[in-house]
Amino acid sequence: MKIVSMIKKGLMLFLMMIFAFSSVAFAGTIDNQSDQEQAFIKEFKVNCDKMDIDKNTQEKLLKKLQKGEMLDCVNPEKIKAVSDKLKVSIESPKSEYTFEDGSKIVRTLTVADTNNVVTPMANTTVKKIRVEDATLITGGYYFADVVLNWDYPEDSYISSVYDGHINVVGGTYHNKSLYVKQAYQNSNPAEARMEWMYDTPYVTGDASLQLFLEDTSY
């Protein structure tokens, strides 16, 4: 799913959150819960409260998980179908979407800092971008330094990514990787990403949070 943020004419930032190879494991019933399942349910309800999901919907979502069904907020097909409704921008940095089952995604793209640099060679702006995506199961955020060249937009690039953080409700994550995959654009946009694998008593899968920088002036 792409989230488009117009920074200035000719340059565009895309934020993308992808859940790949997600799967759901049946994990017992309400009357026969392990300690891990009980811990997950407790954290899940706290997270639901933070995302303003009512108690009745919380119980329906838990029953859905216990039947071995994937929540819409981590279902790649469900997310893809509403990608246009998940757009954020510098001017409107937050987007929330509630799916048919009551689960939710909250997405933000914000500018944490801006520095203008003018040299005889070019007029550039260095922006510290914070990208974040949260669901009821997992999410994360990181910072990226993006150098925007207004005189030569094609020379804009992602210089670094850092301070990555991952959250898994009632579970763990592993194989975390935060890196600039492609600093400069060519036939493809510049790209940075954070990837991880997550495990909970009910859901396990892979996720990645990707940031794209693209010159759209030609």
N, C-alpha and C. Protein backbone atom coordinates (compact mmCIF):
# COMPACT_ATOMS: atom_id res chain seq x y z
N MET A 1 0.83 -1.17 0.00
CA MET A 1 0.00 0.00 0.00
C MET A 1 0.87 1.22 0.00
N LYS A 2 0.57 2.19 -0.80
CA LYS A 2 1.39 3.39 -0.90
C LYS A 2 0.71 4.57 -0.25
N ILE A 3 1.53 5.34 0.47
CA ILE A 3 1.06 6.56 1.06
C ILE A 3 1.88 7.66 0.45
N VAL A 4 1.23 8.63 -0.14
CA VAL A 4 1.94 9.61 -0.94
C VAL A 4 2.01 10.92 -0.19
N SER A 5 3.22 11.50 -0.12
CA SER A 5 3.39 12.78 0.53
C SER A 5 4.13 13.72 -0.40
N MET A 6 3.47 14.75 -0.87
CA MET A 6 4.11 15.72 -1.76
C MET A 6 4.96 16.68 -0.93
N ILE A 7 6.27 16.68 -1.14
CA ILE A 7 7.17 17.53 -0.40
C ILE A 7 7.34 18.88 -1.10
N LYS A 8 7.52 18.86 -2.38
CA LYS A 8 7.64 20.05 -3.20
C LYS A 8 7.50 19.61 -4.64
N LYS A 9 7.16 20.50 -5.53
CA LYS A 9 6.94 20.13 -6.92
C LYS A 9 8.13 19.34 -7.46
N GLY A 10 7.85 18.18 -7.99
CA GLY A 10 8.89 17.36 -8.59
C GLY A 10 9.41 16.26 -7.70
N LEU A 11 9.21 16.37 -6.37
CA LEU A 11 9.71 15.35 -5.46
C LEU A 11 8.56 14.77 -4.65
N MET A 12 8.62 13.48 -4.43
CA MET A 12 7.52 12.82 -3.73
C MET A 12 8.08 11.75 -2.81
N LEU A 13 7.51 11.65 -1.60
CA LEU A 13 7.84 10.59 -0.67
C LEU A 13 6.70 9.60 -0.62
N PHE A 14 7.03 8.32 -0.64
CA PHE A 14 6.04 7.27 -0.49
C PHE A 14 6.38 6.50 0.79
N LEU A 15 5.37 6.20 1.57
CA LEU A 15 5.53 5.33 2.72
C LEU A 15 4.72 4.08 2.48
N MET A 16 5.34 2.93 2.65
CA MET A 16 4.63 1.67 2.39
C MET A 16 4.83 0.71 3.55
N MET A 17 3.73 0.09 3.99
CA MET A 17 3.79 -0.96 5.00
C MET A 17 3.31 -2.25 4.37
N ILE A 18 4.13 -3.29 4.42
CA ILE A 18 3.79 -4.55 3.78
C ILE A 18 3.81 -5.68 4.81
N PHE A 19 2.76 -6.48 4.82
CA PHE A 19 2.76 -7.73 5.57
C PHE A 19 2.82 -8.87 4.57
N ALA A 20 3.87 -9.65 4.63
CA ALA A 20 4.06 -10.73 3.66
C ALA A 20 4.13 -12.07 4.39
N PHE A 21 3.59 -13.09 3.74
CA PHE A 21 3.65 -14.46 4.25
C PHE A 21 3.05 -14.59 5.64
N SER A 22 2.06 -13.77 5.96
CA SER A 22 1.41 -13.86 7.26
C SER A 22 0.61 -15.15 7.36
N SER A 23 0.57 -15.71 8.54
CA SER A 23 -0.24 -16.90 8.77
C SER A 23 -0.82 -16.84 10.17
N VAL A 24 -1.89 -17.56 10.40
CA VAL A 24 -2.56 -17.57 11.69
C VAL A 24 -2.64 -19.00 12.20
N ALA A 25 -2.31 -19.20 13.46
CA ALA A 25 -2.36 -20.54 14.06
C ALA A 25 -3.50 -20.61 15.06
N PHE A 26 -4.30 -21.66 14.99
CA PHE A 26 -5.36 -21.86 15.98
C PHE A 26 -4.74 -22.05 17.35
N ALA A 27 -5.29 -21.39 18.36
CA ALA A 27 -4.62 -21.39 19.66
C ALA A 27 -5.58 -21.62 20.82
N GLY A 28 -6.43 -22.61 20.71
CA GLY A 28 -7.24 -22.99 21.85
C GLY A 28 -8.49 -22.15 22.02
N THR A 29 -9.11 -22.26 23.17
CA THR A 29 -10.36 -21.57 23.46
C THR A 29 -10.20 -20.69 24.68
N ILE A 30 -11.22 -19.92 24.98
CA ILE A 30 -11.19 -19.03 26.14
C ILE A 30 -11.05 -19.82 27.43
N ASP A 31 -11.58 -21.04 27.47
CA ASP A 31 -11.54 -21.85 28.69
C ASP A 31 -10.25 -22.63 28.86
N ASN A 32 -9.38 -22.58 27.88
CA ASN A 32 -8.15 -23.37 27.96
C ASN A 32 -6.98 -22.56 27.40
N GLN A 33 -6.58 -21.56 28.18
CA GLN A 33 -5.56 -20.62 27.71
C GLN A 33 -4.23 -20.87 28.42
N SER A 34 -3.15 -20.78 27.65
CA SER A 34 -1.81 -20.86 28.23
C SER A 34 -1.47 -19.49 28.83
N ASP A 35 -0.37 -19.45 29.58
CA ASP A 35 0.09 -18.19 30.15
C ASP A 35 0.40 -17.18 29.04
N GLN A 36 0.98 -17.67 27.94
CA GLN A 36 1.30 -16.79 26.82
C GLN A 36 0.04 -16.21 26.20
N GLU A 37 -0.98 -17.03 26.06
CA GLU A 37 -2.25 -16.56 25.49
C GLU A 37 -2.89 -15.52 26.40
N GLN A 38 -2.85 -15.74 27.70
CA GLN A 38 -3.41 -14.79 28.64
C GLN A 38 -2.66 -13.46 28.59
N ALA A 39 -1.33 -13.53 28.48
CA ALA A 39 -0.53 -12.30 28.38
C ALA A 39 -0.85 -11.55 27.09
N PHE A 40 -1.01 -12.32 26.00
CA PHE A 40 -1.36 -11.69 24.73
C PHE A 40 -2.70 -10.97 24.83
N ILE A 41 -3.71 -11.65 25.39
CA ILE A 41 -5.05 -11.06 25.50
C ILE A 41 -5.01 -9.77 26.32
N LYS A 42 -4.25 -9.78 27.39
CA LYS A 42 -4.14 -8.58 28.23
C LYS A 42 -3.53 -7.42 27.44
N GLU A 43 -2.42 -7.67 26.76
CA GLU A 43 -1.77 -6.62 25.97
C GLU A 43 -2.64 -6.19 24.79
N PHE A 44 -3.31 -7.16 24.18
CA PHE A 44 -4.17 -6.86 23.04
C PHE A 44 -5.27 -5.88 23.44
N LYS A 45 -5.90 -6.12 24.59
CA LYS A 45 -6.97 -5.24 25.05
C LYS A 45 -6.44 -3.85 25.39
N VAL A 46 -5.25 -3.77 25.96
CA VAL A 46 -4.64 -2.47 26.25
C VAL A 46 -4.39 -1.70 24.95
N ASN A 47 -3.87 -2.42 23.94
CA ASN A 47 -3.62 -1.79 22.64
C ASN A 47 -4.92 -1.34 21.98
N CYS A 48 -5.95 -2.15 22.10
CA CYS A 48 -7.26 -1.77 21.55
C CYS A 48 -7.79 -0.51 22.22
N ASP A 49 -7.62 -0.42 23.53
CA ASP A 49 -8.06 0.79 24.24
C ASP A 49 -7.33 2.02 23.73
N LYS A 50 -6.01 1.88 23.50
CA LYS A 50 -5.22 3.00 23.00
C LYS A 50 -5.69 3.45 21.61
N MET A 51 -6.21 2.48 20.83
CA MET A 51 -6.66 2.78 19.48
C MET A 51 -8.16 3.00 19.41
N ASP A 52 -8.78 3.21 20.59
CA ASP A 52 -10.20 3.57 20.69
C ASP A 52 -11.13 2.53 20.06
N ILE A 53 -10.85 1.27 20.35
CA ILE A 53 -11.72 0.18 19.89
C ILE A 53 -12.56 -0.28 21.08
N ASP A 54 -13.87 -0.30 20.92
CA ASP A 54 -14.77 -0.59 22.03
C ASP A 54 -14.66 -2.04 22.50
N LYS A 55 -15.14 -2.29 23.71
CA LYS A 55 -15.00 -3.60 24.35
C LYS A 55 -15.69 -4.71 23.56
N ASN A 56 -16.85 -4.43 23.03
CA ASN A 56 -17.59 -5.44 22.28
C ASN A 56 -16.80 -5.87 21.04
N THR A 57 -16.21 -4.90 20.34
CA THR A 57 -15.40 -5.21 19.15
C THR A 57 -14.15 -5.97 19.55
N GLN A 58 -13.56 -5.61 20.67
CA GLN A 58 -12.37 -6.32 21.15
C GLN A 58 -12.65 -7.81 21.32
N GLU A 59 -13.78 -8.14 21.92
CA GLU A 59 -14.13 -9.55 22.13
C GLU A 59 -14.36 -10.27 20.81
N LYS A 60 -14.98 -9.60 19.86
CA LYS A 60 -15.19 -10.20 18.54
C LYS A 60 -13.86 -10.48 17.84
N LEU A 61 -12.92 -9.55 17.97
CA LEU A 61 -11.61 -9.72 17.33
C LEU A 61 -10.84 -10.86 17.98
N LEU A 62 -10.93 -10.98 19.29
CA LEU A 62 -10.25 -12.08 19.99
C LEU A 62 -10.83 -13.43 19.57
N LYS A 63 -12.14 -13.49 19.45
CA LYS A 63 -12.77 -14.74 19.02
C LYS A 63 -12.35 -15.10 17.60
N LYS A 64 -12.19 -14.08 16.77
CA LYS A 64 -11.73 -14.32 15.39
C LYS A 64 -10.34 -14.92 15.39
N LEU A 65 -9.46 -14.39 16.22
CA LEU A 65 -8.10 -14.93 16.32
C LEU A 65 -8.12 -16.36 16.85
N GLN A 66 -8.95 -16.62 17.85
CA GLN A 66 -9.00 -17.94 18.46
C GLN A 66 -9.57 -19.00 17.53
N LYS A 67 -10.29 -18.56 16.51
CA LYS A 67 -10.80 -19.49 15.49
C LYS A 67 -9.76 -19.72 14.39
N GLY A 68 -8.60 -19.07 14.51
CA GLY A 68 -7.56 -19.23 13.50
C GLY A 68 -7.73 -18.35 12.30
N GLU A 69 -8.44 -17.24 12.45
CA GLU A 69 -8.67 -16.32 11.34
C GLU A 69 -7.79 -15.07 11.49
N MET A 70 -7.32 -14.56 10.37
CA MET A 70 -6.45 -13.39 10.35
C MET A 70 -7.26 -12.10 10.49
N LEU A 71 -6.81 -11.19 11.33
CA LEU A 71 -7.46 -9.89 11.43
C LEU A 71 -7.23 -9.11 10.14
N ASP A 72 -8.22 -8.31 9.77
CA ASP A 72 -8.12 -7.54 8.53
C ASP A 72 -6.91 -6.61 8.52
N CYS A 73 -6.52 -6.08 9.68
CA CYS A 73 -5.44 -5.09 9.75
C CYS A 73 -4.07 -5.67 9.45
N VAL A 74 -3.95 -7.01 9.42
CA VAL A 74 -2.69 -7.65 9.02
C VAL A 74 -2.90 -8.60 7.84
N ASN A 75 -4.01 -8.43 7.16
CA ASN A 75 -4.32 -9.25 5.98
C ASN A 75 -3.90 -8.48 4.73
N PRO A 76 -2.88 -8.95 4.00
CA PRO A 76 -2.38 -8.20 2.84
C PRO A 76 -3.44 -7.84 1.82
N GLU A 77 -4.38 -8.75 1.56
CA GLU A 77 -5.42 -8.48 0.56
C GLU A 77 -6.38 -7.39 1.04
N LYS A 78 -6.74 -7.43 2.30
CA LYS A 78 -7.63 -6.42 2.86
C LYS A 78 -6.97 -5.04 2.85
N ILE A 79 -5.69 -5.01 3.18
CA ILE A 79 -4.95 -3.74 3.20
C ILE A 79 -4.83 -3.17 1.80
N LYS A 80 -4.50 -4.03 0.84
CA LYS A 80 -4.34 -3.59 -0.55
C LYS A 80 -5.64 -2.98 -1.07
N ALA A 81 -6.76 -3.54 -0.68
CA ALA A 81 -8.06 -3.09 -1.18
C ALA A 81 -8.42 -1.67 -0.74
N VAL A 82 -7.80 -1.20 0.36
CA VAL A 82 -8.13 0.14 0.88
C VAL A 82 -6.91 1.06 0.88
N SER A 83 -5.93 0.76 0.04
CA SER A 83 -4.69 1.53 0.03
C SER A 83 -4.91 3.02 -0.20
N ASP A 84 -5.90 3.37 -1.02
CA ASP A 84 -6.16 4.78 -1.30
C ASP A 84 -6.66 5.52 -0.06
N LYS A 85 -7.23 4.79 0.88
CA LYS A 85 -7.76 5.41 2.09
C LYS A 85 -6.71 5.52 3.19
N LEU A 86 -5.51 5.04 2.91
CA LEU A 86 -4.44 5.06 3.91
C LEU A 86 -3.37 6.10 3.60
N LYS A 87 -3.70 7.07 2.76
CA LYS A 87 -2.72 8.07 2.37
C LYS A 87 -2.48 9.08 3.49
N VAL A 88 -1.21 9.48 3.63
CA VAL A 88 -0.85 10.55 4.55
C VAL A 88 0.03 11.55 3.81
N SER A 89 0.20 12.72 4.38
CA SER A 89 1.03 13.75 3.78
C SER A 89 1.67 14.59 4.87
N ILE A 90 2.61 15.44 4.48
CA ILE A 90 3.22 16.35 5.45
C ILE A 90 2.14 17.25 6.05
N GLU A 91 1.21 17.69 5.21
CA GLU A 91 0.14 18.55 5.68
C GLU A 91 -0.89 17.80 6.52
N SER A 92 -1.13 16.54 6.19
CA SER A 92 -2.06 15.68 6.94
C SER A 92 -1.32 14.41 7.32
N PRO A 93 -0.51 14.48 8.38
CA PRO A 93 0.46 13.41 8.65
C PRO A 93 -0.09 12.14 9.28
N LYS A 94 -1.37 12.10 9.61
CA LYS A 94 -1.91 10.92 10.28
C LYS A 94 -3.11 10.38 9.52
N SER A 95 -3.16 9.06 9.40
CA SER A 95 -4.29 8.40 8.75
C SER A 95 -4.72 7.20 9.58
N GLU A 96 -6.02 7.07 9.80
CA GLU A 96 -6.57 5.91 10.50
C GLU A 96 -7.61 5.26 9.61
N TYR A 97 -7.61 3.93 9.62
CA TYR A 97 -8.65 3.21 8.87
C TYR A 97 -9.15 2.05 9.71
N THR A 98 -10.46 1.96 9.84
CA THR A 98 -11.09 0.85 10.56
C THR A 98 -11.69 -0.11 9.55
N PHE A 99 -11.27 -1.37 9.63
CA PHE A 99 -11.73 -2.39 8.69
C PHE A 99 -13.10 -2.93 9.09
N GLU A 100 -13.65 -3.74 8.22
CA GLU A 100 -14.99 -4.29 8.43
C GLU A 100 -15.08 -5.09 9.73
N ASP A 101 -14.00 -5.79 10.11
CA ASP A 101 -14.04 -6.58 11.34
C ASP A 101 -13.80 -5.75 12.60
N GLY A 102 -13.52 -4.45 12.42
CA GLY A 102 -13.29 -3.57 13.57
C GLY A 102 -11.84 -3.33 13.90
N SER A 103 -10.93 -4.08 13.27
CA SER A 103 -9.50 -3.84 13.50
C SER A 103 -9.06 -2.57 12.78
N LYS A 104 -7.89 -2.07 13.12
CA LYS A 104 -7.52 -0.73 12.68
C LYS A 104 -6.04 -0.63 12.35
N ILE A 105 -5.73 0.28 11.41
CA ILE A 105 -4.36 0.70 11.11
C ILE A 105 -4.27 2.20 11.39
N VAL A 106 -3.18 2.60 12.03
CA VAL A 106 -2.87 4.01 12.23
C VAL A 106 -1.52 4.29 11.61
N ARG A 107 -1.46 5.27 10.75
CA ARG A 107 -0.24 5.52 9.96
C ARG A 107 0.15 6.99 10.03
N THR A 108 1.45 7.26 10.17
CA THR A 108 1.93 8.64 10.23
C THR A 108 3.22 8.81 9.45
N LEU A 109 3.37 9.97 8.85
CA LEU A 109 4.62 10.41 8.24
C LEU A 109 4.81 11.86 8.66
N THR A 110 5.83 12.13 9.46
CA THR A 110 6.02 13.47 9.98
C THR A 110 7.46 13.93 9.77
N VAL A 111 7.63 15.23 9.67
CA VAL A 111 8.96 15.82 9.55
C VAL A 111 9.43 16.23 10.94
N ALA A 112 10.48 15.58 11.43
CA ALA A 112 10.99 15.85 12.77
C ALA A 112 11.94 17.04 12.78
N ASP A 113 12.61 17.30 11.65
CA ASP A 113 13.56 18.41 11.59
C ASP A 113 13.83 18.76 10.14
N THR A 114 14.16 20.04 9.87
CA THR A 114 14.45 20.51 8.52
C THR A 114 15.63 21.47 8.55
N ASN A 115 16.58 21.27 7.64
CA ASN A 115 17.72 22.18 7.48
C ASN A 115 17.91 22.49 6.01
N ASN A 116 17.92 23.79 5.69
CA ASN A 116 18.17 24.22 4.31
C ASN A 116 19.65 24.50 4.12
N VAL A 117 20.19 23.97 3.03
CA VAL A 117 21.61 24.14 2.72
C VAL A 117 21.74 24.69 1.30
N VAL A 118 22.33 25.89 1.17
CA VAL A 118 22.52 26.51 -0.14
C VAL A 118 24.01 26.61 -0.42
N THR A 119 24.42 26.03 -1.55
CA THR A 119 25.82 26.08 -1.98
C THR A 119 25.85 26.57 -3.42
N PRO A 120 27.03 26.92 -3.93
CA PRO A 120 27.12 27.31 -5.34
C PRO A 120 26.68 26.20 -6.30
N MET A 121 26.68 24.96 -5.81
CA MET A 121 26.34 23.83 -6.66
C MET A 121 24.83 23.53 -6.67
N ALA A 122 24.15 23.73 -5.52
CA ALA A 122 22.75 23.34 -5.46
C ALA A 122 22.05 23.92 -4.24
N ASN A 123 20.74 23.96 -4.34
CA ASN A 123 19.88 24.36 -3.23
C ASN A 123 19.22 23.10 -2.69
N THR A 124 19.58 22.71 -1.47
CA THR A 124 19.09 21.44 -0.92
C THR A 124 18.42 21.64 0.43
N THR A 125 17.60 20.67 0.79
CA THR A 125 16.95 20.62 2.10
C THR A 125 17.16 19.23 2.67
N VAL A 126 17.63 19.18 3.91
CA VAL A 126 17.79 17.91 4.61
C VAL A 126 16.62 17.77 5.58
N LYS A 127 15.80 16.76 5.37
CA LYS A 127 14.64 16.52 6.23
C LYS A 127 14.82 15.23 7.02
N LYS A 128 14.59 15.33 8.32
CA LYS A 128 14.55 14.14 9.17
C LYS A 128 13.10 13.67 9.21
N ILE A 129 12.85 12.52 8.60
CA ILE A 129 11.50 11.99 8.46
C ILE A 129 11.28 10.84 9.44
N ARG A 130 10.14 10.88 10.13
CA ARG A 130 9.74 9.77 11.00
C ARG A 130 8.57 9.05 10.34
N VAL A 131 8.75 7.77 10.07
CA VAL A 131 7.69 6.98 9.46
C VAL A 131 7.22 5.93 10.47
N GLU A 132 5.92 5.76 10.56
CA GLU A 132 5.38 4.83 11.55
C GLU A 132 4.10 4.18 11.04
N ASP A 133 3.93 2.92 11.39
CA ASP A 133 2.72 2.19 11.07
C ASP A 133 2.38 1.31 12.26
N ALA A 134 1.12 1.35 12.69
CA ALA A 134 0.70 0.56 13.84
C ALA A 134 -0.58 -0.20 13.51
N THR A 135 -0.63 -1.46 13.92
CA THR A 135 -1.84 -2.27 13.83
C THR A 135 -2.11 -2.85 15.21
N LEU A 136 -3.15 -3.67 15.32
CA LEU A 136 -3.46 -4.30 16.61
C LEU A 136 -2.50 -5.41 16.96
N ILE A 137 -1.69 -5.86 16.00
CA ILE A 137 -0.77 -6.99 16.23
C ILE A 137 0.68 -6.54 16.28
N THR A 138 1.12 -5.79 15.29
CA THR A 138 2.51 -5.35 15.24
C THR A 138 2.63 -4.04 14.49
N GLY A 139 3.77 -3.40 14.64
CA GLY A 139 4.03 -2.14 13.95
C GLY A 139 5.43 -1.67 14.28
N GLY A 140 5.77 -0.50 13.78
CA GLY A 140 7.10 0.02 14.06
C GLY A 140 7.29 1.41 13.51
N TYR A 141 8.45 1.97 13.84
CA TYR A 141 8.82 3.27 13.28
C TYR A 141 10.32 3.38 13.17
N TYR A 142 10.77 4.29 12.34
CA TYR A 142 12.18 4.64 12.28
C TYR A 142 12.32 6.04 11.70
N PHE A 143 13.56 6.55 11.75
CA PHE A 143 13.87 7.87 11.21
C PHE A 143 14.73 7.72 9.96
N ALA A 144 14.53 8.63 9.04
CA ALA A 144 15.33 8.66 7.81
C ALA A 144 15.74 10.10 7.52
N ASP A 145 17.00 10.30 7.16
CA ASP A 145 17.47 11.59 6.69
C ASP A 145 17.40 11.59 5.16
N VAL A 146 16.64 12.53 4.63
CA VAL A 146 16.42 12.62 3.19
C VAL A 146 16.95 13.95 2.69
N VAL A 147 17.81 13.91 1.68
CA VAL A 147 18.38 15.12 1.09
C VAL A 147 17.63 15.43 -0.20
N LEU A 148 16.91 16.54 -0.20
CA LEU A 148 16.10 16.94 -1.35
C LEU A 148 16.83 18.05 -2.12
N ASN A 149 17.16 17.77 -3.37
CA ASN A 149 17.88 18.71 -4.23
C ASN A 149 16.86 19.38 -5.15
N TRP A 150 16.58 20.66 -4.89
CA TRP A 150 15.54 21.35 -5.64
C TRP A 150 16.02 21.78 -7.03
N ASP A 151 17.31 21.97 -7.21
CA ASP A 151 17.84 22.35 -8.52
C ASP A 151 17.96 21.13 -9.44
N TYR A 152 18.32 20.01 -8.84
CA TYR A 152 18.46 18.76 -9.60
C TYR A 152 17.73 17.65 -8.84
N PRO A 153 16.41 17.59 -8.97
CA PRO A 153 15.61 16.63 -8.18
C PRO A 153 16.06 15.18 -8.33
N GLU A 154 16.59 14.84 -9.50
CA GLU A 154 17.04 13.47 -9.72
C GLU A 154 18.23 13.10 -8.84
N ASP A 155 18.89 14.11 -8.27
CA ASP A 155 20.03 13.86 -7.39
C ASP A 155 19.64 13.82 -5.91
N SER A 156 18.37 13.90 -5.61
CA SER A 156 17.91 13.74 -4.23
C SER A 156 18.14 12.30 -3.78
N TYR A 157 18.32 12.10 -2.49
CA TYR A 157 18.64 10.75 -2.01
C TYR A 157 18.29 10.57 -0.54
N ILE A 158 18.22 9.32 -0.13
CA ILE A 158 18.06 8.93 1.27
C ILE A 158 19.45 8.68 1.83
N SER A 159 19.87 9.49 2.78
CA SER A 159 21.26 9.40 3.24
C SER A 159 21.46 8.39 4.37
N SER A 160 20.46 8.22 5.25
CA SER A 160 20.63 7.29 6.36
C SER A 160 19.28 6.97 7.00
N VAL A 161 19.24 5.84 7.70
CA VAL A 161 18.08 5.45 8.50
C VAL A 161 18.59 4.98 9.86
N TYR A 162 17.80 5.22 10.90
CA TYR A 162 18.30 4.93 12.26
C TYR A 162 17.15 4.93 13.26
N ASP A 163 17.48 4.51 14.49
CA ASP A 163 16.54 4.50 15.62
C ASP A 163 15.26 3.74 15.28
N GLY A 164 15.41 2.55 14.74
CA GLY A 164 14.25 1.73 14.44
C GLY A 164 13.68 1.08 15.70
N HIS A 165 12.37 1.03 15.78
CA HIS A 165 11.69 0.43 16.92
C HIS A 165 10.54 -0.44 16.41
N ILE A 166 10.39 -1.62 17.01
CA ILE A 166 9.34 -2.57 16.61
C ILE A 166 8.50 -2.92 17.84
N ASN A 167 7.19 -3.01 17.63
CA ASN A 167 6.29 -3.42 18.69
C ASN A 167 5.50 -4.64 18.24
N VAL A 168 5.44 -5.64 19.09
CA VAL A 168 4.61 -6.83 18.84
C VAL A 168 3.75 -7.04 20.08
N VAL A 169 2.45 -7.02 19.90
CA VAL A 169 1.52 -7.14 21.01
C VAL A 169 1.52 -8.57 21.55
N GLY A 170 1.92 -8.74 22.80
CA GLY A 170 1.89 -10.05 23.43
C GLY A 170 2.77 -11.08 22.77
N GLY A 171 3.86 -10.62 22.12
CA GLY A 171 4.74 -11.55 21.42
C GLY A 171 6.14 -11.02 21.28
N THR A 172 6.87 -11.56 20.33
CA THR A 172 8.27 -11.20 20.13
C THR A 172 8.54 -10.97 18.65
N TYR A 173 9.69 -10.36 18.39
CA TYR A 173 10.12 -10.20 17.00
C TYR A 173 11.57 -10.65 16.88
N HIS A 174 11.99 -10.95 15.66
CA HIS A 174 13.38 -11.32 15.42
C HIS A 174 13.72 -11.01 13.97
N ASN A 175 14.99 -11.19 13.63
CA ASN A 175 15.51 -10.90 12.28
C ASN A 175 15.22 -9.46 11.86
N LYS A 176 15.34 -8.53 12.80
CA LYS A 176 15.15 -7.11 12.48
C LYS A 176 16.29 -6.62 11.60
N SER A 177 15.93 -5.86 10.57
CA SER A 177 16.93 -5.29 9.66
C SER A 177 16.47 -3.91 9.23
N LEU A 178 17.31 -2.88 9.42
CA LEU A 178 17.01 -1.50 9.05
C LEU A 178 18.14 -1.00 8.16
N TYR A 179 17.80 -0.61 6.92
CA TYR A 179 18.86 -0.25 5.99
C TYR A 179 18.33 0.58 4.83
N VAL A 180 19.26 1.27 4.15
CA VAL A 180 18.94 1.96 2.91
C VAL A 180 19.20 0.98 1.78
N LYS A 181 18.15 0.53 1.14
CA LYS A 181 18.30 -0.46 0.08
C LYS A 181 18.87 0.18 -1.18
N GLN A 182 18.42 1.39 -1.48
CA GLN A 182 18.89 2.10 -2.66
C GLN A 182 18.87 3.60 -2.35
N ALA A 183 20.05 4.21 -2.20
CA ALA A 183 20.12 5.60 -1.78
C ALA A 183 19.58 6.55 -2.85
N TYR A 184 20.00 6.35 -4.11
CA TYR A 184 19.58 7.22 -5.21
C TYR A 184 18.59 6.48 -6.10
N GLN A 185 17.70 7.24 -6.71
CA GLN A 185 16.78 6.65 -7.67
C GLN A 185 17.45 6.46 -9.02
N ASN A 186 16.99 5.45 -9.73
CA ASN A 186 17.37 5.28 -11.14
C ASN A 186 16.08 4.98 -11.90
N SER A 187 15.92 3.78 -12.38
CA SER A 187 14.62 3.42 -12.97
C SER A 187 13.59 3.15 -11.88
N ASN A 188 14.06 2.98 -10.65
CA ASN A 188 13.21 2.77 -9.50
C ASN A 188 13.42 3.87 -8.47
N PRO A 189 12.44 4.14 -7.61
CA PRO A 189 12.62 5.15 -6.57
C PRO A 189 13.73 4.75 -5.60
N ALA A 190 14.31 5.75 -4.93
CA ALA A 190 15.20 5.46 -3.80
C ALA A 190 14.37 4.78 -2.72
N GLU A 191 15.00 3.92 -1.95
CA GLU A 191 14.23 3.12 -1.01
C GLU A 191 14.99 2.82 0.27
N ALA A 192 14.29 2.94 1.40
CA ALA A 192 14.79 2.49 2.70
C ALA A 192 13.73 1.56 3.29
N ARG A 193 14.17 0.65 4.14
CA ARG A 193 13.18 -0.27 4.72
C ARG A 193 13.64 -0.81 6.07
N MET A 194 12.64 -1.18 6.86
CA MET A 194 12.86 -1.94 8.09
C MET A 194 12.03 -3.22 7.96
N GLU A 195 12.67 -4.35 8.21
CA GLU A 195 12.01 -5.65 8.09
C GLU A 195 12.11 -6.39 9.41
N TRP A 196 11.12 -7.22 9.69
CA TRP A 196 11.18 -8.05 10.88
C TRP A 196 10.21 -9.22 10.75
N MET A 197 10.40 -10.22 11.60
CA MET A 197 9.48 -11.33 11.73
C MET A 197 8.86 -11.25 13.13
N TYR A 198 7.57 -11.56 13.23
CA TYR A 198 6.90 -11.44 14.52
C TYR A 198 6.16 -12.73 14.86
N ASP A 199 6.07 -13.00 16.16
CA ASP A 199 5.40 -14.21 16.64
C ASP A 199 4.54 -13.86 17.84
N THR A 200 3.29 -14.30 17.82
CA THR A 200 2.40 -14.21 18.96
C THR A 200 1.71 -15.56 19.10
N PRO A 201 0.98 -15.80 20.19
CA PRO A 201 0.29 -17.09 20.33
C PRO A 201 -0.74 -17.34 19.23
N TYR A 202 -1.20 -16.28 18.55
CA TYR A 202 -2.25 -16.43 17.56
C TYR A 202 -1.81 -16.13 16.13
N VAL A 203 -0.84 -15.26 15.97
CA VAL A 203 -0.44 -14.80 14.64
C VAL A 203 1.08 -14.82 14.53
N THR A 204 1.58 -15.23 13.38
CA THR A 204 3.00 -15.14 13.09
C THR A 204 3.17 -14.70 11.65
N GLY A 205 4.23 -13.95 11.36
CA GLY A 205 4.43 -13.50 9.99
C GLY A 205 5.63 -12.60 9.82
N ASP A 206 5.76 -12.06 8.61
CA ASP A 206 6.83 -11.12 8.27
C ASP A 206 6.21 -9.77 7.98
N ALA A 207 6.95 -8.71 8.26
CA ALA A 207 6.47 -7.36 7.96
C ALA A 207 7.64 -6.50 7.53
N SER A 208 7.35 -5.48 6.73
CA SER A 208 8.37 -4.49 6.39
C SER A 208 7.73 -3.13 6.25
N LEU A 209 8.46 -2.11 6.67
CA LEU A 209 8.02 -0.72 6.58
C LEU A 209 8.99 -0.01 5.64
N GLN A 210 8.49 0.42 4.48
CA GLN A 210 9.35 0.93 3.43
C GLN A 210 9.07 2.41 3.15
N LEU A 211 10.14 3.14 2.90
CA LEU A 211 10.06 4.55 2.52
C LEU A 211 10.67 4.71 1.14
N PHE A 212 9.94 5.40 0.24
CA PHE A 212 10.41 5.63 -1.12
C PHE A 212 10.56 7.12 -1.40
N LEU A 213 11.57 7.49 -2.14
CA LEU A 213 11.77 8.85 -2.61
C LEU A 213 11.87 8.81 -4.13
N GLU A 214 11.04 9.64 -4.79
CA GLU A 214 10.98 9.61 -6.25
C GLU A 214 10.84 11.01 -6.82
N ASP A 215 11.59 11.28 -7.86
CA ASP A 215 11.48 12.52 -8.64
C ASP A 215 10.38 12.33 -9.68
N THR A 216 9.35 13.17 -9.61
CA THR A 216 8.22 13.03 -10.54
C THR A 216 8.19 14.19 -11.53
N SER A 217 9.30 14.87 -11.74
CA SER A 217 9.32 16.06 -12.59
C SER A 217 9.50 15.73 -14.06
N TYR A 218 9.69 14.43 -14.37
CA TYR A 218 9.85 14.06 -15.78
C TYR A 218 9.06 12.83 -16.10
